[in-house]
């Protein structure tokens, strides 16, 4: 009976480790696929926000891709 319980606990811990490893790997790989930043800066009092595209790769390499991933960076005003 103890051997069966040990086997069940071992399989559960191994499965949890596998899922956790896949989740960490997926998050790390997403950061490497980003091609640049979308910078959002606050506008003047009556204006909308300004958006700037800061690419880390050349536009020629992005032209052949159907989708790209950008990091979104918000710029805050000083008080």
PDB file of N, CA and C in Angstrom:
ATOM      1  N   UNK A   1       0.812  -1.193   0.000  1.00  0.00           N
ATOM      2  CA  UNK A   1       0.000   0.000   0.000  1.00  0.00           C
ATOM      3  C   UNK A   1       0.858   1.260   0.000  1.00  0.00           C
ATOM      4  N   UNK A   2       1.943   1.239   0.755  1.00  0.00           N
ATOM      5  CA  UNK A   2       2.815   2.403   0.806  1.00  0.00           C
ATOM      6  C   UNK A   2       3.503   2.654  -0.530  1.00  0.00           C
ATOM      7  N   UNK A   3       3.806   1.607  -1.253  1.00  0.00           N
ATOM      8  CA  UNK A   3       4.458   1.763  -2.551  1.00  0.00           C
ATOM      9  C   UNK A   3       3.518   2.418  -3.556  1.00  0.00           C
ATOM     10  N   UNK A   4       2.242   2.075  -3.514  1.00  0.00           N
ATOM     11  CA  UNK A   4       1.274   2.684  -4.429  1.00  0.00           C
ATOM     12  C   UNK A   4       1.082   4.166  -4.109  1.00  0.00           C
ATOM     13  N   UNK A   5       1.013   4.496  -2.829  1.00  0.00           N
ATOM     14  CA  UNK A   5       0.868   5.885  -2.425  1.00  0.00           C
ATOM     15  C   UNK A   5       2.093   6.700  -2.836  1.00  0.00           C
ATOM     16  N   UNK A   6       3.282   6.126  -2.638  1.00  0.00           N
ATOM     17  CA  UNK A   6       4.515   6.797  -3.050  1.00  0.00           C
ATOM     18  C   UNK A   6       4.528   7.035  -4.560  1.00  0.00           C
ATOM     19  N   UNK A   7       4.081   6.055  -5.328  1.00  0.00           N
ATOM     20  CA  UNK A   7       4.046   6.188  -6.785  1.00  0.00           C
ATOM     21  C   UNK A   7       3.071   7.282  -7.217  1.00  0.00           C
ATOM     22  N   UNK A   8       1.923   7.360  -6.590  1.00  0.00           N
ATOM     23  CA  UNK A   8       0.933   8.392  -6.923  1.00  0.00           C
ATOM     24  C   UNK A   8       1.476   9.780  -6.597  1.00  0.00           C
ATOM     25  N   UNK A   9       2.089   9.939  -5.427  1.00  0.00           N
ATOM     26  CA  UNK A   9       2.663  11.228  -5.041  1.00  0.00           C
ATOM     27  C   UNK A   9       3.796  11.610  -5.980  1.00  0.00           C
ATOM     28  N   UNK A  10       4.630  10.640  -6.340  1.00  0.00           N
ATOM     29  CA  UNK A  10       5.741  10.905  -7.255  1.00  0.00           C
ATOM     30  C   UNK A  10       5.240  11.362  -8.620  1.00  0.00           C
ATOM     31  N   UNK A  11       4.208  10.723  -9.133  1.00  0.00           N
ATOM     32  CA  UNK A  11       3.655  11.098 -10.444  1.00  0.00           C
ATOM     33  C   UNK A  11       3.042  12.490 -10.382  1.00  0.00           C
ATOM     34  N   UNK A  12       2.355  12.815  -9.293  1.00  0.00           N
ATOM     35  CA  UNK A  12       1.760  14.154  -9.150  1.00  0.00           C
ATOM     36  C   UNK A  12       2.834  15.233  -9.086  1.00  0.00           C
ATOM     37  N   UNK A  13       3.889  14.994  -8.340  1.00  0.00           N
ATOM     38  CA  UNK A  13       4.975  15.975  -8.237  1.00  0.00           C
ATOM     39  C   UNK A  13       5.685  16.125  -9.575  1.00  0.00           C
ATOM     40  N   UNK A  14       5.900  15.013 -10.278  1.00  0.00           N
ATOM     41  CA  UNK A  14       6.548  15.080 -11.586  1.00  0.00           C
ATOM     42  C   UNK A  14       5.689  15.842 -12.593  1.00  0.00           C
ATOM     43  N   UNK A  15       4.385  15.620 -12.573  1.00  0.00           N
ATOM     44  CA  UNK A  15       3.484  16.328 -13.489  1.00  0.00           C
ATOM     45  C   UNK A  15       3.454  17.816 -13.170  1.00  0.00           C
ATOM     46  N   UNK A  16       3.432  18.152 -11.888  1.00  0.00           N
ATOM     47  CA  UNK A  16       3.443  19.557 -11.490  1.00  0.00           C
ATOM     48  C   UNK A  16       4.750  20.234 -11.924  1.00  0.00           C
ATOM     49  N   UNK A  17       5.859  19.554 -11.771  1.00  0.00           N
ATOM     50  CA  UNK A  17       7.144  20.096 -12.223  1.00  0.00           C
ATOM     51  C   UNK A  17       7.189  20.301 -13.724  1.00  0.00           C
ATOM     52  N   UNK A  18       6.613  19.363 -14.459  1.00  0.00           N
ATOM     53  CA  UNK A  18       6.572  19.487 -15.920  1.00  0.00           C
ATOM     54  C   UNK A  18       5.740  20.692 -16.349  1.00  0.00           C
ATOM     55  N   UNK A  19       4.574  20.849 -15.756  1.00  0.00           N
ATOM     56  CA  UNK A  19       3.700  21.983 -16.097  1.00  0.00           C
ATOM     57  C   UNK A  19       4.366  23.301 -15.728  1.00  0.00           C
ATOM     58  N   UNK A  20       4.990  23.360 -14.564  1.00  0.00           N
ATOM     59  CA  UNK A  20       5.679  24.576 -14.139  1.00  0.00           C
ATOM     60  C   UNK A  20       6.851  24.906 -15.068  1.00  0.00           C
ATOM     61  N   UNK A  21       7.596  23.903 -15.481  1.00  0.00           N
ATOM     62  CA  UNK A  21       8.709  24.118 -16.407  1.00  0.00           C
ATOM     63  C   UNK A  21       8.246  24.620 -17.764  1.00  0.00           C
ATOM     64  N   UNK A  22       7.153  24.079 -18.256  1.00  0.00           N
ATOM     65  CA  UNK A  22       6.611  24.537 -19.540  1.00  0.00           C
ATOM     66  C   UNK A  22       6.139  25.980 -19.435  1.00  0.00           C
ATOM     67  N   UNK A  23       5.490  26.341 -18.327  1.00  0.00           N
ATOM     68  CA  UNK A  23       5.004  27.709 -18.149  1.00  0.00           C
ATOM     69  C   UNK A  23       6.159  28.703 -18.074  1.00  0.00           C
ATOM     70  N   UNK A  24       7.200  28.367 -17.350  1.00  0.00           N
ATOM     71  CA  UNK A  24       8.362  29.258 -17.258  1.00  0.00           C
ATOM     72  C   UNK A  24       9.047  29.384 -18.611  1.00  0.00           C
ATOM     73  N   UNK A  25       9.200  28.291 -19.313  1.00  0.00           N
ATOM     74  CA  UNK A  25       9.822  28.333 -20.640  1.00  0.00           C
ATOM     75  C   UNK A  25       9.017  29.148 -21.629  1.00  0.00           C
ATOM     76  N   UNK A  26       7.705  29.055 -21.567  1.00  0.00           N
ATOM     77  CA  UNK A  26       6.857  29.826 -22.468  1.00  0.00           C
ATOM     78  C   UNK A  26       6.997  31.315 -22.193  1.00  0.00           C
ATOM     79  N   UNK A  27       7.024  31.710 -20.922  1.00  0.00           N
ATOM     80  CA  UNK A  27       7.178  33.127 -20.583  1.00  0.00           C
ATOM     81  C   UNK A  27       8.536  33.655 -21.012  1.00  0.00           C
ATOM     82  N   UNK A  28       9.579  32.870 -20.870  1.00  0.00           N
ATOM     83  CA  UNK A  28      10.909  33.313 -21.287  1.00  0.00           C
ATOM     84  C   UNK A  28      11.009  33.416 -22.804  1.00  0.00           C
ATOM     85  N   UNK A  29      10.379  32.509 -23.528  1.00  0.00           N
ATOM     86  CA  UNK A  29      10.476  32.546 -24.982  1.00  0.00           C
ATOM     87  C   UNK A  29       9.669  33.700 -25.571  1.00  0.00           C
ATOM     88  N   UNK A  30       8.594  34.119 -24.905  1.00  0.00           N
ATOM     89  CA  UNK A  30       7.817  35.252 -25.403  1.00  0.00           C
ATOM     90  C   UNK A  30       8.635  36.535 -25.377  1.00  0.00           C
ATOM     91  N   UNK A  31       9.444  36.715 -24.358  1.00  0.00           N
ATOM     92  CA  UNK A  31      10.289  37.904 -24.278  1.00  0.00           C
ATOM     93  C   UNK A  31      11.327  37.956 -25.388  1.00  0.00           C
ATOM     94  N   UNK A  32      11.750  36.815 -25.865  1.00  0.00           N
ATOM     95  CA  UNK A  32      12.747  36.778 -26.924  1.00  0.00           C
ATOM     96  C   UNK A  32      12.133  36.990 -28.297  1.00  0.00           C
ATOM     97  N   UNK A  33      10.831  36.789 -28.433  1.00  0.00           N
ATOM     98  CA  UNK A  33      10.184  36.964 -29.729  1.00  0.00           C
ATOM     99  C   UNK A  33       9.751  38.396 -29.994  1.00  0.00           C
ATOM    100  N   UNK A  34       9.853  39.267 -29.018  1.00  0.00           N
ATOM    101  CA  UNK A  34       9.430  40.659 -29.193  1.00  0.00           C
ATOM    102  C   UNK A  34      10.362  41.367 -30.164  1.00  0.00           C
ATOM    103  N   UNK A  35       9.784  42.167 -31.033  1.00  0.00           N
ATOM    104  CA  UNK A  35      10.576  42.867 -32.044  1.00  0.00           C
ATOM    105  C   UNK A  35      10.780  44.337 -31.704  1.00  0.00           C
ATOM    106  N   UNK A  36      10.210  44.795 -30.591  1.00  0.00           N
ATOM    107  CA  UNK A  36      10.379  46.194 -30.209  1.00  0.00           C
ATOM    108  C   UNK A  36       9.368  46.600 -29.164  1.00  0.00           C
ATOM    109  N   UNK A  37       9.257  47.905 -29.001  1.00  0.00           N
ATOM    110  CA  UNK A  37       8.374  48.464 -27.976  1.00  0.00           C
ATOM    111  C   UNK A  37       7.362  49.400 -28.610  1.00  0.00           C
ATOM    112  N   UNK A  38       6.165  49.388 -28.070  1.00  0.00           N
ATOM    113  CA  UNK A  38       5.158  50.399 -28.376  1.00  0.00           C
ATOM    114  C   UNK A  38       5.128  51.313 -27.161  1.00  0.00           C
ATOM    115  N   UNK A  39       5.651  52.518 -27.327  1.00  0.00           N
ATOM    116  CA  UNK A  39       5.776  53.465 -26.224  1.00  0.00           C
ATOM    117  C   UNK A  39       4.564  54.389 -26.245  1.00  0.00           C
ATOM    118  N   UNK A  40       3.867  54.458 -25.125  1.00  0.00           N
ATOM    119  CA  UNK A  40       2.680  55.310 -25.013  1.00  0.00           C
ATOM    120  C   UNK A  40       3.003  56.426 -24.030  1.00  0.00           C
ATOM    121  N   UNK A  41       2.929  57.665 -24.530  1.00  0.00           N
ATOM    122  CA  UNK A  41       3.238  58.838 -23.709  1.00  0.00           C
ATOM    123  C   UNK A  41       1.979  59.680 -23.561  1.00  0.00           C
ATOM    124  N   UNK A  42       1.792  60.287 -22.414  1.00  0.00           N
ATOM    125  CA  UNK A  42       0.593  61.128 -22.228  1.00  0.00           C
ATOM    126  C   UNK A  42       0.656  62.364 -23.112  1.00  0.00           C
ATOM    127  N   UNK A  43      -0.482  62.743 -23.624  1.00  0.00           N
ATOM    128  CA  UNK A  43      -0.558  63.927 -24.463  1.00  0.00           C
ATOM    129  C   UNK A  43      -0.736  65.187 -23.642  1.00  0.00           C
ATOM    130  N   UNK A  44      -0.918  66.270 -24.334  1.00  0.00           N
ATOM    131  CA  UNK A  44      -1.197  67.530 -23.651  1.00  0.00           C
ATOM    132  C   UNK A  44      -2.560  67.441 -22.973  1.00  0.00           C
ATOM    133  N   UNK A  45      -2.960  68.517 -22.333  1.00  0.00           N
ATOM    134  CA  UNK A  45      -4.219  68.498 -21.589  1.00  0.00           C
ATOM    135  C   UNK A  45      -5.420  68.163 -22.468  1.00  0.00           C
ATOM    136  N   UNK A  46      -5.460  68.686 -23.681  1.00  0.00           N
ATOM    137  CA  UNK A  46      -6.603  68.469 -24.563  1.00  0.00           C
ATOM    138  C   UNK A  46      -6.338  67.413 -25.633  1.00  0.00           C
ATOM    139  N   UNK A  47      -5.159  66.839 -25.653  1.00  0.00           N
ATOM    140  CA  UNK A  47      -4.792  65.899 -26.716  1.00  0.00           C
ATOM    141  C   UNK A  47      -4.842  64.454 -26.206  1.00  0.00           C
ATOM    142  N   UNK A  48      -4.943  63.559 -27.157  1.00  0.00           N
ATOM    143  CA  UNK A  48      -4.885  62.135 -26.825  1.00  0.00           C
ATOM    144  C   UNK A  48      -3.446  61.736 -26.518  1.00  0.00           C
ATOM    145  N   UNK A  49      -3.290  60.492 -26.148  1.00  0.00           N
ATOM    146  CA  UNK A  49      -1.949  59.978 -25.881  1.00  0.00           C
ATOM    147  C   UNK A  49      -1.154  59.868 -27.181  1.00  0.00           C
ATOM    148  N   UNK A  50       0.166  59.998 -27.069  1.00  0.00           N
ATOM    149  CA  UNK A  50       1.062  59.803 -28.207  1.00  0.00           C
ATOM    150  C   UNK A  50       1.579  58.371 -28.173  1.00  0.00           C
ATOM    151  N   UNK A  51       1.726  57.770 -29.355  1.00  0.00           N
ATOM    152  CA  UNK A  51       2.273  56.421 -29.441  1.00  0.00           C
ATOM    153  C   UNK A  51       3.473  56.428 -30.383  1.00  0.00           C
ATOM    154  N   UNK A  52       4.557  55.800 -29.938  1.00  0.00           N
ATOM    155  CA  UNK A  52       5.779  55.709 -30.713  1.00  0.00           C
ATOM    156  C   UNK A  52       6.154  54.242 -30.857  1.00  0.00           C
ATOM    157  N   UNK A  53       6.692  53.891 -32.000  1.00  0.00           N
ATOM    158  CA  UNK A  53       7.142  52.529 -32.252  1.00  0.00           C
ATOM    159  C   UNK A  53       8.661  52.514 -32.219  1.00  0.00           C
ATOM    160  N   UNK A  54       9.225  51.740 -31.309  1.00  0.00           N
ATOM    161  CA  UNK A  54      10.672  51.626 -31.162  1.00  0.00           C
ATOM    162  C   UNK A  54      11.061  50.198 -31.514  1.00  0.00           C
ATOM    163  N   UNK A  55      11.513  49.991 -32.760  1.00  0.00           N
ATOM    164  CA  UNK A  55      11.826  48.643 -33.240  1.00  0.00           C
ATOM    165  C   UNK A  55      13.254  48.256 -32.911  1.00  0.00           C
ATOM    166  N   UNK A  56      13.444  47.005 -32.509  1.00  0.00           N
ATOM    167  CA  UNK A  56      14.774  46.467 -32.255  1.00  0.00           C
ATOM    168  C   UNK A  56      15.321  45.787 -33.515  1.00  0.00           C
ATOM    169  N   UNK A  57      14.450  45.491 -34.473  1.00  0.00           N
ATOM    170  CA  UNK A  57      14.849  44.846 -35.726  1.00  0.00           C
ATOM    171  C   UNK A  57      14.485  45.761 -36.892  1.00  0.00           C
ATOM    172  N   UNK A  58      15.093  45.520 -38.014  1.00  0.00           N
ATOM    173  CA  UNK A  58      14.820  46.373 -39.174  1.00  0.00           C
ATOM    174  C   UNK A  58      13.438  46.053 -39.756  1.00  0.00           C
ATOM    175  N   UNK A  59      12.785  47.044 -40.346  1.00  0.00           N
ATOM    176  CA  UNK A  59      11.457  46.806 -40.929  1.00  0.00           C
ATOM    177  C   UNK A  59      11.482  45.788 -42.073  1.00  0.00           C
ATOM    178  N   UNK A  60      12.596  45.645 -42.745  1.00  0.00           N
ATOM    179  CA  UNK A  60      12.688  44.683 -43.847  1.00  0.00           C
ATOM    180  C   UNK A  60      12.536  43.247 -43.350  1.00  0.00           C
ATOM    181  N   UNK A  61      13.062  42.965 -42.168  1.00  0.00           N
ATOM    182  CA  UNK A  61      12.923  41.607 -41.630  1.00  0.00           C
ATOM    183  C   UNK A  61      11.513  41.344 -41.124  1.00  0.00           C
ATOM    184  N   UNK A  62      10.774  42.396 -40.807  1.00  0.00           N
ATOM    185  CA  UNK A  62       9.418  42.231 -40.319  1.00  0.00           C
ATOM    186  C   UNK A  62       8.391  42.156 -41.441  1.00  0.00           C
ATOM    187  N   UNK A  63       8.756  42.585 -42.633  1.00  0.00           N
ATOM    188  CA  UNK A  63       7.803  42.649 -43.741  1.00  0.00           C
ATOM    189  C   UNK A  63       7.310  41.264 -44.148  1.00  0.00           C
ATOM    190  N   UNK A  64       8.127  40.247 -43.974  1.00  0.00           N
ATOM    191  CA  UNK A  64       7.736  38.901 -44.397  1.00  0.00           C
ATOM    192  C   UNK A  64       6.894  38.173 -43.348  1.00  0.00           C
ATOM    193  N   UNK A  65       6.808  38.727 -42.147  1.00  0.00           N
ATOM    194  CA  UNK A  65       6.036  38.079 -41.087  1.00  0.00           C
ATOM    195  C   UNK A  65       4.592  38.567 -41.116  1.00  0.00           C
ATOM    196  N   UNK A  66       3.689  37.681 -40.751  1.00  0.00           N
ATOM    197  CA  UNK A  66       2.278  38.044 -40.701  1.00  0.00           C
ATOM    198  C   UNK A  66       1.935  38.729 -39.385  1.00  0.00           C
ATOM    199  N   UNK A  67       2.578  38.295 -38.287  1.00  0.00           N
ATOM    200  CA  UNK A  67       2.323  38.858 -36.964  1.00  0.00           C
ATOM    201  C   UNK A  67       3.634  39.069 -36.244  1.00  0.00           C
ATOM    202  N   UNK A  68       3.668  40.105 -35.432  1.00  0.00           N
ATOM    203  CA  UNK A  68       4.832  40.382 -34.592  1.00  0.00           C
ATOM    204  C   UNK A  68       4.355  40.694 -33.178  1.00  0.00           C
ATOM    205  N   UNK A  69       5.262  40.614 -32.212  1.00  0.00           N
ATOM    206  CA  UNK A  69       4.920  40.892 -30.824  1.00  0.00           C
ATOM    207  C   UNK A  69       5.688  42.116 -30.352  1.00  0.00           C
ATOM    208  N   UNK A  70       5.002  43.024 -29.677  1.00  0.00           N
ATOM    209  CA  UNK A  70       5.600  44.249 -29.148  1.00  0.00           C
ATOM    210  C   UNK A  70       5.410  44.309 -27.636  1.00  0.00           C
ATOM    211  N   UNK A  71       6.383  44.849 -26.946  1.00  0.00           N
ATOM    212  CA  UNK A  71       6.227  45.187 -25.537  1.00  0.00           C
ATOM    213  C   UNK A  71       5.542  46.543 -25.458  1.00  0.00           C
ATOM    214  N   UNK A  72       4.662  46.719 -24.495  1.00  0.00           N
ATOM    215  CA  UNK A  72       3.987  48.003 -24.317  1.00  0.00           C
ATOM    216  C   UNK A  72       4.616  48.693 -23.115  1.00  0.00           C
ATOM    217  N   UNK A  73       5.122  49.908 -23.341  1.00  0.00           N
ATOM    218  CA  UNK A  73       5.748  50.689 -22.280  1.00  0.00           C
ATOM    219  C   UNK A  73       4.967  51.982 -22.109  1.00  0.00           C
ATOM    220  N   UNK A  74       4.554  52.243 -20.890  1.00  0.00           N
ATOM    221  CA  UNK A  74       3.837  53.477 -20.573  1.00  0.00           C
ATOM    222  C   UNK A  74       4.818  54.466 -19.951  1.00  0.00           C
ATOM    223  N   UNK A  75       4.766  55.692 -20.431  1.00  0.00           N
ATOM    224  CA  UNK A  75       5.590  56.761 -19.851  1.00  0.00           C
ATOM    225  C   UNK A  75       4.683  57.613 -18.978  1.00  0.00           C
ATOM    226  N   UNK A  76       5.085  57.830 -17.770  1.00  0.00           N
ATOM    227  CA  UNK A  76       4.309  58.637 -16.818  1.00  0.00           C
ATOM    228  C   UNK A  76       4.882  60.053 -16.765  1.00  0.00           C
ATOM    229  N   UNK A  77       4.027  61.009 -16.508  1.00  0.00           N
ATOM    230  CA  UNK A  77       4.501  62.388 -16.369  1.00  0.00           C
ATOM    231  C   UNK A  77       5.004  62.610 -14.957  1.00  0.00           C
ATOM    232  N   UNK A  78       5.910  63.532 -14.836  1.00  0.00           N
ATOM    233  CA  UNK A  78       6.406  63.897 -13.501  1.00  0.00           C
ATOM    234  C   UNK A  78       5.407  64.817 -12.831  1.00  0.00           C
ATOM    235  N   UNK A  79       5.347  64.708 -11.526  1.00  0.00           N
ATOM    236  CA  UNK A  79       4.418  65.565 -10.778  1.00  0.00           C
ATOM    237  C   UNK A  79       5.117  66.794 -10.285  1.00  0.00           C
TER     238      UNK A  79
END
